[in-house]
N, C-alpha and C. Protein backbone atom coordinates (compact mmCIF):
# COMPACT_ATOMS: atom_id res chain seq x y z
N UNK A 1 -7.22 -80.51 -6.08
CA UNK A 1 -8.08 -79.93 -7.18
C UNK A 1 -8.50 -78.66 -6.87
N UNK A 2 -9.03 -78.20 -5.42
CA UNK A 2 -9.69 -77.05 -4.96
C UNK A 2 -7.95 -76.06 -5.56
N UNK A 3 -6.79 -76.25 -4.80
CA UNK A 3 -5.83 -75.19 -5.03
C UNK A 3 -5.29 -74.92 -6.14
N UNK A 4 -5.52 -75.70 -7.31
CA UNK A 4 -5.42 -75.55 -8.87
C UNK A 4 -6.31 -74.35 -9.30
N UNK A 5 -7.73 -74.55 -8.34
CA UNK A 5 -8.70 -73.71 -8.96
C UNK A 5 -8.62 -72.49 -8.48
N UNK A 6 -7.64 -72.37 -7.41
CA UNK A 6 -7.27 -70.63 -6.82
C UNK A 6 -6.50 -70.45 -7.71
N UNK A 7 -5.16 -70.91 -7.63
CA UNK A 7 -4.36 -70.84 -8.39
C UNK A 7 -4.28 -70.29 -9.99
N UNK A 8 -5.18 -70.94 -10.49
CA UNK A 8 -6.05 -70.56 -12.20
C UNK A 8 -6.94 -69.01 -11.63
N UNK A 9 -7.74 -69.15 -10.75
CA UNK A 9 -8.71 -67.67 -10.41
C UNK A 9 -7.50 -66.91 -10.44
N UNK A 10 -6.69 -67.00 -9.23
CA UNK A 10 -5.78 -65.59 -8.81
C UNK A 10 -4.70 -65.19 -9.88
N UNK A 11 -4.26 -66.02 -11.04
CA UNK A 11 -3.13 -66.08 -12.23
C UNK A 11 -4.56 -64.91 -13.13
N UNK A 12 -5.77 -65.67 -13.31
CA UNK A 12 -6.56 -65.01 -13.94
C UNK A 12 -6.44 -63.48 -13.78
N UNK A 13 -7.03 -62.92 -12.27
CA UNK A 13 -7.20 -62.26 -11.69
C UNK A 13 -6.06 -60.89 -12.15
N UNK A 14 -4.60 -61.34 -12.01
CA UNK A 14 -3.60 -60.89 -12.08
C UNK A 14 -3.38 -60.38 -13.52
N UNK A 15 -3.47 -61.52 -14.40
CA UNK A 15 -3.66 -60.82 -15.79
C UNK A 15 -4.45 -60.06 -15.99
N UNK A 16 -5.88 -60.23 -15.85
CA UNK A 16 -6.71 -59.06 -15.83
C UNK A 16 -6.26 -57.50 -15.47
N UNK A 17 -5.68 -58.06 -14.36
CA UNK A 17 -5.83 -56.56 -13.65
C UNK A 17 -4.14 -55.73 -14.22
N UNK A 18 -3.36 -56.64 -14.91
CA UNK A 18 -2.12 -56.04 -15.33
C UNK A 18 -2.88 -55.61 -16.72
N UNK A 19 -3.79 -56.18 -17.57
CA UNK A 19 -4.33 -55.76 -18.78
C UNK A 19 -4.99 -54.59 -18.63
N UNK A 20 -5.75 -53.87 -17.82
CA UNK A 20 -6.97 -53.16 -17.50
C UNK A 20 -6.36 -51.90 -18.36
N UNK A 21 -4.99 -51.60 -17.59
CA UNK A 21 -4.69 -49.89 -17.84
C UNK A 21 -4.86 -49.61 -19.24
N UNK A 22 -3.94 -51.02 -19.67
CA UNK A 22 -3.71 -50.94 -21.41
C UNK A 22 -5.59 -50.71 -21.98
N UNK A 23 -6.27 -51.31 -21.68
CA UNK A 23 -7.71 -51.72 -22.42
C UNK A 23 -8.28 -50.40 -22.08
N UNK A 24 -8.08 -49.42 -21.01
CA UNK A 24 -8.82 -48.35 -20.90
C UNK A 24 -7.61 -47.39 -21.91
N UNK A 25 -6.06 -47.23 -22.07
CA UNK A 25 -5.81 -46.23 -22.80
C UNK A 25 -6.25 -46.61 -24.07
N UNK A 26 -6.76 -47.59 -24.51
CA UNK A 26 -6.82 -48.34 -25.77
C UNK A 26 -8.54 -47.64 -26.24
N UNK A 27 -9.55 -47.05 -25.35
CA UNK A 27 -10.48 -46.82 -25.35
C UNK A 27 -10.68 -45.20 -25.77
N UNK A 28 -9.56 -44.50 -25.96
CA UNK A 28 -9.81 -42.94 -26.15
C UNK A 28 -10.55 -42.59 -27.43
N UNK A 29 -11.41 -41.82 -27.31
CA UNK A 29 -11.93 -41.37 -28.41
C UNK A 29 -11.34 -40.96 -29.52
N UNK A 30 -11.71 -41.07 -31.02
CA UNK A 30 -11.22 -40.20 -31.78
C UNK A 30 -10.24 -39.19 -31.78
N UNK A 31 -11.35 -37.93 -31.37
CA UNK A 31 -10.79 -36.44 -30.37
C UNK A 31 -9.78 -36.47 -29.69
N UNK A 32 -9.51 -37.38 -28.95
CA UNK A 32 -8.57 -36.80 -27.71
C UNK A 32 -7.17 -38.31 -28.68
N UNK A 33 -7.37 -38.90 -29.37
CA UNK A 33 -5.67 -39.73 -30.16
C UNK A 33 -5.67 -38.86 -30.90
N UNK A 34 -6.68 -37.92 -31.79
CA UNK A 34 -6.35 -37.03 -33.18
C UNK A 34 -5.64 -36.08 -32.34
N UNK A 35 -5.77 -35.36 -31.27
CA UNK A 35 -5.36 -33.92 -30.61
C UNK A 35 -4.29 -34.89 -29.91
N UNK A 36 -3.48 -35.49 -29.15
CA UNK A 36 -2.61 -36.23 -29.30
C UNK A 36 -1.31 -36.03 -30.37
N UNK A 37 -1.91 -36.75 -31.23
CA UNK A 37 -1.26 -36.91 -32.68
C UNK A 37 -0.77 -35.66 -33.18
N UNK A 38 -2.10 -34.63 -33.31
CA UNK A 38 -2.00 -33.24 -33.88
C UNK A 38 -0.65 -32.33 -33.25
N UNK A 39 -1.02 -32.12 -31.55
CA UNK A 39 -0.30 -31.53 -30.75
C UNK A 39 1.03 -31.78 -30.89
N UNK A 40 1.29 -33.25 -31.24
CA UNK A 40 2.86 -33.87 -31.02
C UNK A 40 3.41 -33.38 -32.41
N UNK A 41 2.53 -33.27 -33.31
CA UNK A 41 3.33 -32.71 -35.06
C UNK A 41 3.35 -31.17 -34.61
N UNK A 42 2.92 -30.68 -33.92
CA UNK A 42 2.47 -28.97 -33.59
C UNK A 42 3.65 -28.60 -32.81
N UNK A 43 3.70 -29.46 -31.90
CA UNK A 43 5.24 -29.63 -30.86
C UNK A 43 6.07 -29.69 -31.12
N UNK A 44 6.19 -30.42 -32.24
CA UNK A 44 7.83 -30.85 -32.87
C UNK A 44 8.21 -29.50 -33.95
N UNK A 45 7.25 -28.72 -34.74
CA UNK A 45 6.92 -28.06 -35.25
C UNK A 45 7.91 -26.72 -34.73
N UNK A 46 7.29 -26.12 -33.66
CA UNK A 46 7.90 -25.27 -33.07
C UNK A 46 8.93 -25.61 -32.47
N UNK A 47 9.29 -26.61 -32.11
CA UNK A 47 10.34 -26.64 -31.49
C UNK A 47 11.49 -26.19 -32.92
N UNK A 48 11.24 -26.99 -34.02
CA UNK A 48 11.91 -26.36 -35.41
C UNK A 48 12.12 -25.29 -35.85
N UNK A 49 10.62 -24.65 -35.49
CA UNK A 49 10.53 -22.92 -35.95
C UNK A 49 11.79 -22.19 -35.11
N UNK A 50 11.43 -22.84 -33.56
CA UNK A 50 12.81 -21.78 -33.02
C UNK A 50 14.19 -21.94 -32.94
N UNK A 51 14.72 -23.18 -33.62
CA UNK A 51 15.57 -23.42 -34.51
C UNK A 51 15.91 -22.43 -35.30
N UNK A 52 15.04 -22.24 -36.47
CA UNK A 52 15.05 -21.34 -37.20
C UNK A 52 15.44 -20.39 -36.77
N UNK A 53 14.79 -20.01 -35.82
CA UNK A 53 15.10 -17.99 -35.38
C UNK A 53 15.80 -18.08 -34.56
N UNK A 54 16.76 -18.98 -33.88
CA UNK A 54 17.85 -18.56 -33.16
C UNK A 54 18.95 -18.49 -34.09
N UNK A 55 18.98 -19.25 -35.40
CA UNK A 55 19.89 -19.33 -36.62
C UNK A 55 19.93 -18.18 -37.22
N UNK A 56 18.51 -18.17 -37.53
CA UNK A 56 18.31 -16.99 -38.89
C UNK A 56 18.05 -15.58 -38.74
N UNK A 57 17.42 -15.42 -37.00
CA UNK A 57 17.09 -13.49 -36.98
C UNK A 57 17.88 -12.77 -36.81
N UNK A 58 17.78 -11.60 -37.00
CA UNK A 58 18.12 -10.64 -37.18
C UNK A 58 18.17 -9.77 -35.82
N UNK A 59 16.75 -9.90 -35.17
CA UNK A 59 16.22 -8.92 -33.99
C UNK A 59 16.79 -9.85 -32.91
N UNK A 60 17.42 -9.46 -31.85
CA UNK A 60 17.59 -10.52 -30.82
C UNK A 60 16.62 -10.94 -30.00
N UNK A 61 15.30 -10.50 -30.07
CA UNK A 61 14.32 -10.47 -29.89
C UNK A 61 13.56 -11.52 -30.23
N UNK A 62 13.58 -11.38 -31.41
CA UNK A 62 13.02 -12.65 -31.85
C UNK A 62 13.63 -14.15 -31.71
N UNK A 63 15.02 -13.81 -31.54
CA UNK A 63 16.10 -14.95 -31.50
C UNK A 63 15.73 -15.60 -30.01
N UNK A 64 15.83 -14.69 -28.99
CA UNK A 64 15.29 -14.86 -27.76
C UNK A 64 14.00 -15.69 -27.61
N UNK A 65 12.96 -15.36 -28.43
CA UNK A 65 11.48 -16.30 -28.42
C UNK A 65 11.71 -17.19 -29.25
N UNK A 66 12.43 -17.31 -29.98
CA UNK A 66 12.97 -18.68 -30.71
C UNK A 66 13.50 -19.85 -29.63
N UNK A 67 14.26 -19.81 -28.98
CA UNK A 67 14.99 -19.99 -27.82
C UNK A 67 13.93 -20.70 -26.96
N UNK A 68 12.92 -19.32 -26.43
CA UNK A 68 12.12 -19.77 -25.76
C UNK A 68 11.09 -20.76 -26.14
N UNK A 69 10.65 -20.98 -27.13
CA UNK A 69 9.98 -22.09 -28.16
C UNK A 69 10.59 -23.58 -27.70
N UNK A 70 11.89 -23.27 -28.34
CA UNK A 70 12.76 -24.51 -28.23
C UNK A 70 12.54 -25.14 -26.72
N UNK A 71 13.33 -24.18 -25.61
CA UNK A 71 12.59 -24.74 -24.43
C UNK A 71 11.00 -25.19 -23.79
N UNK A 72 10.22 -24.48 -24.04
CA UNK A 72 8.56 -24.46 -23.65
C UNK A 72 8.12 -26.05 -24.61
N UNK A 73 8.53 -25.89 -25.88
CA UNK A 73 7.80 -26.86 -26.67
C UNK A 73 8.44 -27.96 -26.21
N UNK A 74 9.68 -28.43 -25.96
CA UNK A 74 10.92 -29.33 -25.73
C UNK A 74 9.73 -30.14 -24.58
N UNK A 75 9.84 -29.19 -23.26
CA UNK A 75 9.45 -29.74 -22.24
C UNK A 75 7.64 -30.34 -22.41
N UNK A 76 6.95 -29.30 -22.93
CA UNK A 76 6.33 -30.15 -23.43
C UNK A 76 5.76 -31.19 -24.46
N UNK A 77 6.52 -31.21 -25.32
CA UNK A 77 6.29 -32.93 -26.33
C UNK A 77 7.24 -34.01 -25.28
N UNK A 78 7.91 -33.99 -24.23
CA UNK A 78 8.26 -34.91 -23.37
C UNK A 78 7.11 -34.98 -22.90
N UNK A 79 6.61 -34.24 -22.03
CA UNK A 79 5.27 -34.72 -21.25
C UNK A 79 4.32 -35.23 -21.90
N UNK A 80 3.97 -34.68 -23.34
CA UNK A 80 3.25 -35.51 -24.48
C UNK A 80 3.44 -36.79 -24.73
N UNK A 81 4.80 -37.12 -24.98
CA UNK A 81 5.07 -38.58 -25.38
C UNK A 81 5.09 -39.44 -24.51
N UNK A 82 4.83 -38.81 -22.70
CA UNK A 82 4.90 -40.35 -22.00
C UNK A 82 3.38 -39.97 -21.68
N UNK A 83 2.51 -39.04 -21.75
CA UNK A 83 1.53 -39.34 -21.75
C UNK A 83 0.59 -40.36 -23.05
N UNK A 84 1.05 -40.06 -24.40
CA UNK A 84 0.69 -41.16 -25.32
C UNK A 84 1.21 -42.08 -25.15
N UNK A 85 2.19 -42.38 -24.31
CA UNK A 85 3.02 -44.36 -23.82
C UNK A 85 1.69 -44.29 -22.83
N UNK A 86 1.16 -44.10 -22.20
CA UNK A 86 0.36 -43.96 -21.24
C UNK A 86 -1.17 -44.60 -21.66
N UNK A 87 -1.27 -43.48 -22.61
CA UNK A 87 -2.58 -43.91 -23.44
C UNK A 87 -2.51 -45.03 -24.57
N UNK A 88 -1.39 -45.84 -24.90
CA UNK A 88 -1.09 -46.28 -26.30
C UNK A 88 -0.93 -45.81 -27.45
N UNK A 89 -0.46 -44.68 -27.47
CA UNK A 89 -0.87 -43.39 -28.52
C UNK A 89 0.38 -43.83 -29.29
N UNK A 90 0.58 -43.90 -30.71
CA UNK A 90 1.83 -44.26 -31.32
C UNK A 90 1.61 -42.58 -32.31
N UNK A 91 2.74 -42.06 -31.36
CA UNK A 91 3.18 -40.53 -31.90
C UNK A 91 3.46 -40.71 -33.42
N UNK A 92 3.48 -39.68 -34.52
CA UNK A 92 4.04 -40.10 -35.53
C UNK A 92 5.27 -39.32 -35.17
N UNK A 93 5.96 -40.11 -36.76
CA UNK A 93 7.98 -39.49 -36.44
C UNK A 93 8.07 -38.39 -36.52
N UNK A 94 9.24 -37.75 -35.88
CA UNK A 94 9.73 -36.54 -35.86
C UNK A 94 10.33 -36.40 -37.11
N UNK A 95 10.28 -35.31 -37.98
CA UNK A 95 10.75 -34.80 -39.54
C UNK A 95 11.27 -33.23 -39.09
N UNK A 96 12.85 -33.66 -38.49
CA UNK A 96 13.59 -32.00 -38.54
C UNK A 96 13.09 -31.29 -39.94
N UNK A 97 12.69 -31.84 -41.25
CA UNK A 97 13.20 -30.94 -42.17
C UNK A 97 11.35 -30.55 -42.20
N UNK A 98 10.37 -31.15 -41.45
CA UNK A 98 9.21 -29.84 -42.09
C UNK A 98 9.29 -28.89 -41.92
N UNK A 99 10.00 -27.85 -41.02
CA UNK A 99 10.11 -26.75 -40.76
C UNK A 99 10.54 -26.01 -41.92
N UNK A 100 11.53 -26.79 -42.90
CA UNK A 100 12.05 -26.26 -43.60
C UNK A 100 11.30 -25.99 -45.52
N UNK A 101 9.43 -26.34 -45.23
CA UNK A 101 8.65 -26.11 -46.16
C UNK A 101 7.78 -24.72 -45.67
N UNK A 102 8.41 -24.22 -44.74
CA UNK A 102 7.72 -22.97 -44.27
C UNK A 102 8.60 -21.79 -45.45
N UNK A 103 7.48 -21.31 -45.39
CA UNK A 103 7.72 -19.71 -46.42
C UNK A 103 9.20 -19.15 -46.23
N UNK A 104 8.92 -19.03 -44.56
CA UNK A 104 10.11 -18.05 -44.27
C UNK A 104 11.74 -18.77 -43.80
N UNK A 105 12.11 -20.01 -44.07
CA UNK A 105 12.78 -21.33 -44.21
C UNK A 105 13.92 -20.53 -44.55
N UNK A 106 13.71 -19.91 -45.51
CA UNK A 106 14.98 -19.71 -46.19
C UNK A 106 15.62 -18.48 -46.29
N UNK A 107 14.64 -17.99 -45.51
CA UNK A 107 14.27 -16.45 -45.57
C UNK A 107 15.78 -16.15 -44.39
N UNK A 108 16.13 -14.51 -44.49
CA UNK A 108 17.40 -14.37 -43.30
C UNK A 108 17.33 -12.78 -42.92
N UNK A 109 17.90 -12.35 -41.63
CA UNK A 109 17.23 -11.47 -41.64
C UNK A 109 16.34 -10.46 -41.11
N UNK A 110 15.69 -9.68 -41.37
CA UNK A 110 13.99 -8.52 -41.33
C UNK A 110 13.18 -9.70 -42.17
N UNK A 111 13.47 -10.03 -43.74
CA UNK A 111 12.65 -10.79 -44.16
C UNK A 111 12.08 -11.68 -42.94
N UNK A 112 13.17 -12.79 -42.32
CA UNK A 112 13.28 -13.84 -41.82
C UNK A 112 11.98 -13.53 -40.68
N UNK A 113 12.04 -12.54 -39.83
CA UNK A 113 12.05 -11.69 -38.53
C UNK A 113 10.19 -11.48 -38.73
N UNK A 114 9.95 -11.37 -39.60
CA UNK A 114 8.56 -10.94 -40.15
C UNK A 114 7.46 -11.72 -40.78
N UNK A 115 8.44 -12.80 -41.44
CA UNK A 115 8.14 -13.91 -41.74
C UNK A 115 7.47 -14.78 -40.59
N UNK A 116 8.36 -15.26 -39.84
CA UNK A 116 8.32 -15.39 -38.28
C UNK A 116 7.49 -15.31 -37.82
N UNK A 117 7.75 -14.05 -37.54
CA UNK A 117 6.64 -14.08 -36.29
C UNK A 117 4.92 -13.68 -36.87
N UNK A 118 4.66 -13.80 -38.04
CA UNK A 118 3.40 -13.62 -38.21
C UNK A 118 3.02 -15.14 -38.19
N UNK A 119 3.79 -15.78 -38.97
CA UNK A 119 3.58 -17.46 -38.72
C UNK A 119 3.25 -17.72 -36.79
N UNK A 120 4.31 -17.73 -36.54
CA UNK A 120 4.21 -17.74 -34.89
C UNK A 120 2.75 -17.27 -34.44
N UNK A 121 2.56 -15.96 -34.76
CA UNK A 121 0.78 -15.61 -34.40
C UNK A 121 -0.12 -16.54 -34.57
N UNK A 122 0.27 -17.02 -35.91
CA UNK A 122 -1.08 -17.54 -36.98
C UNK A 122 -0.83 -18.60 -35.88
N UNK A 123 0.05 -19.57 -35.99
CA UNK A 123 0.31 -21.41 -35.30
C UNK A 123 -0.63 -21.22 -34.14
N UNK A 124 0.13 -20.00 -33.44
CA UNK A 124 -0.56 -20.01 -31.60
C UNK A 124 -1.78 -20.12 -31.88
N UNK A 125 -2.31 -19.01 -33.04
CA UNK A 125 -4.06 -18.76 -32.60
C UNK A 125 -4.79 -20.26 -32.97
N UNK A 126 -4.23 -20.95 -33.69
CA UNK A 126 -5.11 -22.36 -34.38
C UNK A 126 -4.46 -23.36 -33.14
N UNK A 127 -3.19 -23.63 -32.53
CA UNK A 127 -3.13 -24.22 -31.54
C UNK A 127 -4.14 -24.37 -30.04
N UNK A 128 -4.05 -22.46 -29.97
CA UNK A 128 -4.88 -22.18 -29.04
C UNK A 128 -6.06 -22.98 -28.85
N UNK A 129 -7.07 -22.81 -30.15
CA UNK A 129 -8.21 -23.13 -30.01
C UNK A 129 -8.64 -24.83 -30.26
N UNK A 130 -7.41 -25.48 -30.52
CA UNK A 130 -7.30 -26.68 -30.71
C UNK A 130 -7.13 -27.43 -29.19
N UNK A 131 -6.65 -26.62 -28.58
CA UNK A 131 -6.39 -26.99 -26.64
C UNK A 131 -7.78 -26.52 -26.20
N UNK A 132 -7.63 -25.41 -26.57
CA UNK A 132 -9.28 -25.55 -26.04
C UNK A 132 -10.56 -25.90 -25.89
N UNK A 133 -10.16 -26.68 -27.08
CA UNK A 133 -11.64 -27.71 -27.59
C UNK A 133 -11.04 -29.22 -26.94
N UNK A 134 -9.94 -29.07 -26.81
CA UNK A 134 -10.17 -30.48 -26.45
C UNK A 134 -10.04 -30.32 -24.62
N UNK A 135 -9.28 -29.19 -24.36
CA UNK A 135 -9.90 -29.21 -22.85
C UNK A 135 -11.03 -28.94 -21.88
N UNK A 136 -12.44 -28.07 -23.22
CA UNK A 136 -14.13 -28.33 -22.95
C UNK A 136 -14.28 -29.57 -23.27
N UNK A 137 -13.86 -30.18 -24.71
CA UNK A 137 -15.13 -31.08 -24.40
C UNK A 137 -14.14 -32.40 -24.72
N UNK A 138 -13.29 -32.77 -24.67
CA UNK A 138 -12.25 -34.05 -25.00
C UNK A 138 -13.11 -35.07 -23.62
N UNK A 139 -12.73 -36.01 -24.05
CA UNK A 139 -13.10 -37.08 -23.06
C UNK A 139 -12.54 -38.10 -21.77
N UNK A 140 -11.18 -37.78 -22.29
CA UNK A 140 -10.19 -38.70 -21.35
C UNK A 140 -9.51 -37.52 -20.34
N UNK A 141 -9.94 -37.82 -19.26
CA UNK A 141 -9.19 -36.74 -18.10
C UNK A 141 -7.89 -36.16 -18.09
N UNK A 142 -7.33 -37.32 -18.35
CA UNK A 142 -5.70 -36.71 -18.58
C UNK A 142 -5.26 -36.42 -20.08
N UNK A 143 -5.67 -36.21 -20.60
CA UNK A 143 -5.30 -35.85 -21.94
C UNK A 143 -6.16 -34.02 -21.65
N UNK A 144 -7.22 -33.88 -21.24
CA UNK A 144 -8.03 -32.74 -20.97
C UNK A 144 -7.08 -32.06 -19.94
N UNK A 145 -6.92 -32.43 -19.12
CA UNK A 145 -5.59 -31.66 -18.00
C UNK A 145 -4.43 -31.60 -18.66
N UNK A 146 -3.80 -32.10 -19.55
CA UNK A 146 -2.71 -31.78 -19.84
C UNK A 146 -2.90 -30.88 -21.28
N UNK A 147 -3.89 -30.22 -22.16
CA UNK A 147 -4.36 -29.35 -22.88
C UNK A 147 -4.48 -28.34 -21.81
N UNK A 148 -5.31 -28.77 -20.84
CA UNK A 148 -5.45 -27.20 -20.21
C UNK A 148 -4.58 -26.76 -19.13
N UNK A 149 -3.26 -27.47 -19.39
CA UNK A 149 -2.21 -27.23 -18.34
C UNK A 149 -1.46 -26.38 -19.34
N UNK A 150 -1.49 -27.11 -20.81
CA UNK A 150 -0.60 -26.41 -21.81
C UNK A 150 -0.83 -24.75 -22.27
N UNK A 151 -2.51 -24.70 -22.05
CA UNK A 151 -2.97 -23.25 -22.46
C UNK A 151 -2.30 -22.19 -22.19
N UNK A 152 -2.01 -22.07 -20.86
CA UNK A 152 -1.14 -20.80 -20.37
C UNK A 152 0.06 -20.24 -21.14
N UNK A 153 0.82 -21.70 -21.28
CA UNK A 153 2.04 -21.16 -21.85
C UNK A 153 1.89 -20.99 -23.61
N UNK A 154 0.98 -21.75 -23.99
CA UNK A 154 0.67 -21.07 -25.54
C UNK A 154 -0.11 -19.89 -25.53
N UNK A 155 -0.90 -19.71 -24.83
CA UNK A 155 -1.27 -18.06 -24.89
C UNK A 155 0.06 -16.72 -24.39
N UNK A 156 0.85 -17.36 -23.73
CA UNK A 156 1.87 -16.16 -23.56
C UNK A 156 2.90 -16.22 -24.94
N UNK A 157 3.22 -18.03 -25.25
CA UNK A 157 3.52 -17.49 -26.48
C UNK A 157 3.15 -16.32 -27.79
N UNK A 158 1.64 -16.42 -27.75
CA UNK A 158 1.06 -15.79 -29.15
C UNK A 158 0.97 -14.49 -28.43
N UNK A 159 1.12 -13.71 -26.89
CA UNK A 159 1.36 -12.67 -27.03
C UNK A 159 2.76 -12.08 -26.89
N UNK A 160 3.72 -12.94 -26.89
CA UNK A 160 5.07 -12.44 -27.36
C UNK A 160 5.24 -12.75 -28.89
N UNK A 161 4.80 -13.27 -29.62
CA UNK A 161 4.75 -13.28 -30.85
C UNK A 161 3.99 -11.93 -31.44
N UNK A 162 2.76 -11.91 -30.76
CA UNK A 162 2.34 -10.23 -31.30
C UNK A 162 2.43 -9.29 -30.76
N UNK A 163 3.53 -9.34 -29.93
CA UNK A 163 4.21 -8.31 -29.64
C UNK A 163 5.46 -7.97 -30.96
N UNK A 164 6.06 -8.93 -31.04
CA UNK A 164 7.38 -9.06 -31.73
C UNK A 164 6.46 -8.45 -33.38
N UNK A 165 5.39 -9.34 -33.92
CA UNK A 165 5.02 -8.53 -34.78
C UNK A 165 4.46 -7.15 -35.21
N UNK A 166 4.52 -6.83 -34.36
CA UNK A 166 4.40 -4.97 -34.13
C UNK A 166 5.74 -4.29 -34.74
């Protein structure tokens, strides 16, 4: 009998140990969970916007900026997906058509360039505010770290978009 007790206790400990990370991941507060979901939507939108820019922009610098959005936000989206998985957060589905609802989506040439860069400036200002809030007042250290690590890229995008808008 004593050996059954040891086996039972060992099995219970192993099960408890294996489920511990999942329990901790589910303890994200609403701010952290919402941030992850909103950052995923925003990052995907930036990729779709970048694709539109590479296809429809007249200014080569706008096309280059669009490609940078694709590259940087794809990388960030992959990192965020891994973090969301680790934290047991389900991300909303990607909708490639969401960018088509933007005011500039059906435009091309100089009209596209002007509206795209204005939208890129506005979006990156909002994103930076959201990421700064998470980095300073989020509860989960991993989520805060990712937000903080991503901020320099977002700030660089804002600076590029502002320069293009002039």
